[in-house]
Structures are given as structure tokens and as C-alpha cells.
């Protein structure tokens, strides 16, 4: 299987219920690919698009404005997916999508970046204060843990994962300083949207996350007053939820939540027809 940088990745049957998986800032679909395989094995159509400015060079990301990133999320709403999973910045943009598409049946917010760790707070402060937003800052280039077929990662997707090639995880080692400011602007758009979201939601976060602190999860739940929210805290998990040992728990929790919401919608539709 090819893993192109110029088109979305897909897993699962073409006629399955469509689930969008949205990666984070400077990341790629690879960071959610194991989850996409698990959802595909459960009969869903997982689609993993690229955000603007990703998959090429960090300088290209520096040319993407906040408005363009938010508009990309709104464009995805026009596809009318059945469910959406967002990781980190992708979780913020998922709120924009969900506010624009009230027919969304399930929303999963992974590691929402509300209360940030010290390094990200410094990055955001520099982004607001330094005029030269085109400057590129180094990120951690530690390689992600290997994704091995003998590691557990979800009962639903184990067999499918063993038969699926693993992509090389592509992520930027540098980030444009301008995105220190723009990340805060995306967050503001997301929080404005959150008040309008009515979709049943799962907020999932790891206790060992030093990028977006675990306190972000209950804060996010409180910011969704019109939605029914399930909160899940995964002990020992880091910001890279699908790369560590907790991957199996995360995949099973997400697949189970989405499956239950889709089933509930189908049952309600059947009851309405019968009535």
C-alpha cells in the first residue's frame, strides 16, 4: 500500500460509515493510522486527510494562516461524516467541524491542547511577541516508538494490523514561530465553536502528556455544555496516544464509543420509521 503525501489515506470498506481522523500540528496521518486500521476492521470507512501546509516543508506550514486552517475544517464538514476523531490541534479543528455539521453522530477529542506544558507555553509566548513569524524553531526529533505487529493495539484491529504495512511516520522537525500565535487563534475559534456542539463526545487524554496537560480533558468536557460527554483518562499515556503501550486501550475505547453512537442513531431512525 502507498502512503502518499498529496492525498488522504483510507482504511476499511468503501461503503462503511465514514469516520474522519484528523492529525495534529506538524504531524501527519501516520500518527492516527493504527486507529484508522482498527476502525476499518470494525467495518467503518476511516479517512485520514492532511491539513494544509503538511506533508511538504515547515516553510509551507508557515504560509498557512489561521483562517485557512479553520476553513479547511469547515470544508470537511461539508462531507457530512458520521464520526470525527481529532488529535491535538486536530481535536480543536474537530470542534469547528462539529459546530458546522449538527448531523455528526460521534466526536472523539484526543489530547485536546487547552492547558499546555511549559515548552508549548513558551512557544506560544514567543509567537505572540516576535515579529519574524517565518523563523523555524527546532522540535524534538526523537524517533517515535516502533509500531510492531506483535504489540497489542485493539482486539478489533489486531488481525487487520498484522496484514497491513506500517507507514513511516512523517512529521516536521521544525515548526514556524508564527504558529505559536496561530495555535492560540485556532484554540479561540474552537472554543467559540464548542458552545454550539451537540454531538455525543469522547474526550480522551493521557496522564503522562507533557505537551497538553491532562487537566485539559475535564476542562474540555466543561466547555461542551450542549453535548453528552464521556471522559477517559489513560494512565501512563503520552501526547502520542497511538504510538505507545496504551495504543490498544485507546483504539478499543474509541472504536467502542463510535460504534455505540452509530448503533444508537440507527435504532432511533428505525423507531421513528416504525412510529
Protein backbone atom coordinates (compact mmCIF):
# COMPACT_ATOMS: atom_id res chain seq x y z
CA UNK A 1 0.00 0.00 0.00
CA UNK A 2 1.20 3.51 -0.80
CA UNK A 3 1.10 6.28 1.81
CA UNK A 4 1.04 9.46 -0.33
CA UNK A 5 1.67 12.95 0.97
CA UNK A 6 -0.72 14.57 -1.51
CA UNK A 7 -3.97 12.72 -0.76
CA UNK A 8 -5.83 11.25 2.19
CA UNK A 9 -5.16 7.75 3.48
CA UNK A 10 -8.06 5.31 3.84
CA UNK A 11 -8.82 2.06 5.63
CA UNK A 12 -11.91 -0.13 5.80
CA UNK A 13 -14.78 -0.83 3.38
CA UNK A 14 -15.67 1.92 0.91
CA UNK A 15 -19.35 1.65 1.83
CA UNK A 16 -18.79 1.73 5.61
CA UNK A 17 -19.85 4.68 7.79
CA UNK A 18 -17.36 7.48 7.14
CA UNK A 19 -15.05 8.47 10.00
CA UNK A 20 -12.54 11.30 9.57
CA UNK A 21 -9.29 11.12 11.57
CA UNK A 22 -7.56 14.49 11.86
CA UNK A 23 -3.89 14.76 12.83
CA UNK A 24 -2.14 17.43 14.86
CA UNK A 25 0.10 20.40 14.15
CA UNK A 26 3.34 19.43 12.28
CA UNK A 27 2.15 15.80 12.22
CA UNK A 28 0.69 13.52 9.58
CA UNK A 29 -1.99 10.84 9.11
CA UNK A 30 0.62 8.31 10.29
CA UNK A 31 0.05 9.35 13.91
CA UNK A 32 -3.55 8.07 13.70
CA UNK A 33 -3.06 5.28 11.15
CA UNK A 34 -3.20 2.41 13.72
CA UNK A 35 -6.55 3.74 14.89
CA UNK A 36 -7.74 4.02 11.30
CA UNK A 37 -6.88 0.35 10.75
CA UNK A 38 -8.80 -0.61 13.90
CA UNK A 39 -11.88 1.34 12.82
CA UNK A 40 -11.65 -0.14 9.33
CA UNK A 41 -11.55 -3.63 10.80
CA UNK A 42 -14.73 -2.78 12.71
CA UNK A 43 -16.50 -2.06 9.39
CA UNK A 44 -16.06 1.71 9.27
CA UNK A 45 -14.53 3.75 6.45
CA UNK A 46 -11.61 5.58 8.04
CA UNK A 47 -10.29 8.54 6.07
CA UNK A 48 -7.18 10.45 7.16
CA UNK A 49 -6.69 13.77 5.34
CA UNK A 50 -3.70 16.13 5.54
CA UNK A 51 -4.04 19.61 6.97
CA UNK A 52 -2.84 22.48 4.73
CA UNK A 53 0.92 23.05 4.90
CA UNK A 54 1.68 19.49 5.99
CA UNK A 55 3.47 16.72 4.13
CA UNK A 56 5.83 19.13 2.37
CA UNK A 57 8.09 21.54 4.30
CA UNK A 58 7.79 23.54 7.54
CA UNK A 59 8.11 26.72 5.48
CA UNK A 60 4.90 25.79 3.67
CA UNK A 61 3.15 25.50 7.03
CA UNK A 62 4.38 28.98 7.88
CA UNK A 63 2.43 30.30 4.88
CA UNK A 64 -0.87 28.84 6.12
CA UNK A 65 -2.99 31.33 8.04
CA UNK A 66 -5.31 30.60 10.93
CA UNK A 67 -8.29 31.40 8.70
CA UNK A 68 -7.13 28.90 6.07
CA UNK A 69 -6.74 26.14 8.66
CA UNK A 70 -10.19 26.82 10.12
CA UNK A 71 -11.69 26.95 6.65
CA UNK A 72 -10.16 23.54 5.91
CA UNK A 73 -12.08 22.15 8.89
CA UNK A 74 -15.30 23.74 7.67
CA UNK A 75 -14.74 22.20 4.22
CA UNK A 76 -14.54 18.77 5.85
CA UNK A 77 -17.91 19.41 7.50
CA UNK A 78 -19.43 19.61 4.02
CA UNK A 79 -18.53 15.93 3.53
CA UNK A 80 -21.03 15.03 6.27
CA UNK A 81 -19.01 12.32 8.01
CA UNK A 82 -20.74 10.06 10.52
CA UNK A 83 -17.95 10.48 13.09
CA UNK A 84 -14.77 12.51 13.58
CA UNK A 85 -11.63 11.82 15.61
CA UNK A 86 -9.23 14.72 16.19
CA UNK A 87 -5.75 14.54 17.71
CA UNK A 88 -4.24 17.58 19.49
CA UNK A 89 -4.74 20.56 17.12
CA UNK A 90 -6.95 18.22 15.10
CA UNK A 91 -9.25 17.99 18.13
CA UNK A 92 -9.63 21.78 18.15
CA UNK A 93 -10.46 21.84 14.45
CA UNK A 94 -12.87 18.94 15.01
CA UNK A 95 -14.94 21.26 17.20
CA UNK A 96 -15.20 23.74 14.32
CA UNK A 97 -16.33 20.91 12.05
CA UNK A 98 -18.85 19.58 14.58
CA UNK A 99 -20.39 23.02 15.11
CA UNK A 100 -20.90 23.34 11.35
CA UNK A 101 -22.31 19.80 10.92
CA UNK A 102 -25.02 19.10 13.53
CA UNK A 103 -25.72 15.71 11.91
CA UNK A 104 -22.40 14.37 13.21
CA UNK A 105 -23.09 11.25 15.29
CA UNK A 106 -19.86 10.86 17.28
CA UNK A 107 -16.96 13.17 18.14
CA UNK A 108 -13.67 11.98 19.69
CA UNK A 109 -11.19 14.54 21.04
CA UNK A 110 -7.74 13.05 21.70
CA UNK A 111 -5.34 15.09 23.87
CA UNK A 112 -7.09 18.45 23.35
CA UNK A 113 -4.48 21.22 23.77
CA UNK A 114 -6.10 23.58 26.25
CA UNK A 115 -3.73 23.69 29.24
CA UNK A 116 -0.24 23.45 27.80
CA UNK A 117 3.06 22.26 29.19
CA UNK A 118 5.96 24.70 29.75
CA UNK A 119 7.64 24.25 26.35
CA UNK A 120 4.44 24.90 24.42
CA UNK A 121 3.56 27.89 26.59
CA UNK A 122 6.97 29.36 25.77
CA UNK A 123 6.43 28.65 22.07
CA UNK A 124 3.06 30.42 22.14
CA UNK A 125 4.51 33.40 24.02
CA UNK A 126 7.36 33.77 21.51
CA UNK A 127 4.88 33.50 18.66
CA UNK A 128 2.94 36.45 20.04
CA UNK A 129 5.98 38.61 20.79
CA UNK A 130 8.49 38.01 18.00
CA UNK A 131 7.72 39.83 14.71
CA UNK A 132 9.59 37.35 12.49
CA UNK A 133 6.96 34.63 12.30
CA UNK A 134 8.75 32.90 9.42
CA UNK A 135 11.56 31.74 11.69
CA UNK A 136 11.66 27.97 12.18
CA UNK A 137 12.15 26.52 15.66
CA UNK A 138 13.54 23.06 16.29
CA UNK A 139 11.21 20.45 17.73
CA UNK A 140 12.12 17.21 19.42
CA UNK A 141 13.36 14.79 16.79
CA UNK A 142 13.29 11.71 18.98
CA UNK A 143 12.07 8.83 16.80
CA UNK A 144 8.60 7.52 17.67
CA UNK A 145 8.37 4.07 19.23
CA UNK A 146 8.28 1.36 16.55
CA UNK A 147 4.86 0.03 15.60
CA UNK A 148 5.26 -3.74 15.68
CA UNK A 149 2.67 -6.35 14.70
CA UNK A 150 3.21 -8.29 17.93
CA UNK A 151 2.23 -5.33 20.09
CA UNK A 152 -1.40 -5.20 21.23
CA UNK A 153 -3.39 -2.38 19.76
CA UNK A 154 -7.04 -3.27 19.89
CA UNK A 155 -8.96 -6.52 19.63
CA UNK A 156 -10.99 -5.33 16.66
CA UNK A 157 -7.97 -4.43 14.58
CA UNK A 158 -5.29 -6.94 15.55
CA UNK A 159 -5.66 -9.22 12.52
CA UNK A 160 -6.06 -6.31 10.15
CA UNK A 161 -2.96 -4.62 11.54
CA UNK A 162 -0.85 -7.74 11.06
CA UNK A 163 -1.89 -7.79 7.38
CA UNK A 164 -1.33 -4.05 6.83
CA UNK A 165 2.02 -2.40 6.07
CA UNK A 166 3.10 0.26 8.52
CA UNK A 167 3.85 3.73 7.15
CA UNK A 168 6.95 5.66 8.06
CA UNK A 169 5.80 8.36 10.42
CA UNK A 170 6.35 11.71 8.76
CA UNK A 171 6.39 14.81 10.94
CA UNK A 172 8.21 18.08 10.84
CA UNK A 173 11.33 18.51 12.98
CA UNK A 174 10.82 22.27 12.87
CA UNK A 175 7.79 24.49 13.40
CA UNK A 176 7.23 28.06 12.15
CA UNK A 177 7.29 30.56 15.01
CA UNK A 178 4.12 32.15 13.62
CA UNK A 179 2.23 29.04 14.67
CA UNK A 180 2.90 29.90 18.31
CA UNK A 181 0.38 32.72 17.82
CA UNK A 182 -1.83 30.89 15.34
CA UNK A 183 -2.29 27.87 17.60
CA UNK A 184 -3.84 30.21 20.16
CA UNK A 185 -6.08 31.64 17.45
CA UNK A 186 -7.20 28.17 16.39
CA UNK A 187 -7.93 27.42 20.05
CA UNK A 188 -10.07 30.55 20.31
CA UNK A 189 -12.08 29.54 17.22
CA UNK A 190 -12.54 26.07 18.64
CA UNK A 191 -13.77 27.31 22.00
CA UNK A 192 -16.28 29.60 20.30
CA UNK A 193 -17.49 26.59 18.31
CA UNK A 194 -17.63 24.30 21.35
CA UNK A 195 -20.66 26.08 22.78
CA UNK A 196 -22.63 25.07 19.66
CA UNK A 197 -21.59 21.40 19.55
CA UNK A 198 -24.38 18.93 20.36
CA UNK A 199 -22.68 15.71 19.20
CA UNK A 200 -22.06 12.95 21.80
CA UNK A 201 -18.37 13.30 22.57
CA UNK A 202 -15.49 11.29 24.00
CA UNK A 203 -12.58 13.26 25.47
CA UNK A 204 -9.51 11.08 25.98
CA UNK A 205 -6.17 12.12 27.48
CA UNK A 206 -3.03 10.53 28.92
CA UNK A 207 -1.67 11.22 32.40
CA UNK A 208 1.93 11.42 31.09
CA UNK A 209 1.20 14.05 28.45
CA UNK A 210 3.66 16.94 28.89
CA UNK A 211 2.59 18.74 25.70
CA UNK A 212 -1.08 19.26 26.56
CA UNK A 213 -1.53 18.58 30.26
CA UNK A 214 -4.13 16.07 31.40
CA UNK A 215 -6.12 18.85 33.11
CA UNK A 216 -7.15 19.84 29.58
CA UNK A 217 -9.57 16.90 29.43
CA UNK A 218 -12.03 17.88 32.20
CA UNK A 219 -11.72 21.49 31.06
CA UNK A 220 -12.77 20.45 27.57
CA UNK A 221 -15.71 18.48 28.95
CA UNK A 222 -16.94 21.59 30.76
CA UNK A 223 -16.70 23.61 27.54
CA UNK A 224 -19.24 21.35 25.80
CA UNK A 225 -22.42 22.28 27.70
CA UNK A 226 -24.82 21.07 24.98
CA UNK A 227 -23.13 17.72 24.33
CA UNK A 228 -23.22 14.46 26.25
CA UNK A 229 -19.55 13.94 27.14
CA UNK A 230 -17.66 10.82 28.20
CA UNK A 231 -14.27 11.43 29.80
CA UNK A 232 -11.49 8.83 29.62
CA UNK A 233 -8.09 9.27 31.29
CA UNK A 234 -5.43 6.74 30.26
CA UNK A 235 -2.80 6.11 32.91
CA UNK A 236 0.76 6.49 31.64
CA UNK A 237 -0.16 7.57 28.11
CA UNK A 238 1.73 10.45 26.49
CA UNK A 239 0.62 13.00 23.91
CA UNK A 240 1.35 10.49 21.14
CA UNK A 241 -1.53 8.27 22.14
CA UNK A 242 -1.31 5.84 19.22
CA UNK A 243 2.46 5.28 19.42
CA UNK A 244 2.82 3.92 22.94
CA UNK A 245 1.84 0.93 25.04
CA UNK A 246 -1.66 2.35 25.68
CA UNK A 247 -2.46 2.17 21.96
CA UNK A 248 -4.67 -0.90 22.40
CA UNK A 249 -6.76 0.67 25.14
CA UNK A 250 -7.16 3.86 23.15
CA UNK A 251 -8.16 2.03 19.95
CA UNK A 252 -10.70 -0.17 21.71
CA UNK A 253 -12.19 2.77 23.64
CA UNK A 254 -12.55 4.92 20.52
CA UNK A 255 -13.92 2.12 18.32
CA UNK A 256 -16.39 1.09 21.01
CA UNK A 257 -17.60 4.64 21.58
CA UNK A 258 -18.13 5.37 17.88
CA UNK A 259 -19.79 2.00 17.32
CA UNK A 260 -22.27 2.61 20.13
CA UNK A 261 -23.17 6.08 18.85
CA UNK A 262 -23.73 4.84 15.29
CA UNK A 263 -25.88 1.98 16.60
CA UNK A 264 -27.94 4.35 18.74
CA UNK A 265 -28.59 6.60 15.74
CA UNK A 266 -29.67 3.61 13.66
CA UNK A 267 -32.02 2.39 16.39
CA UNK A 268 -33.57 5.84 16.76
CA UNK A 269 -34.11 6.06 12.99
CA UNK A 270 -35.73 2.61 12.95
CA UNK A 271 -38.03 3.54 15.81
CA UNK A 272 -39.04 6.76 14.04
CA UNK A 273 -39.90 4.82 10.88
CA UNK A 274 -41.90 2.29 12.85
CA UNK A 275 -43.81 5.04 14.63
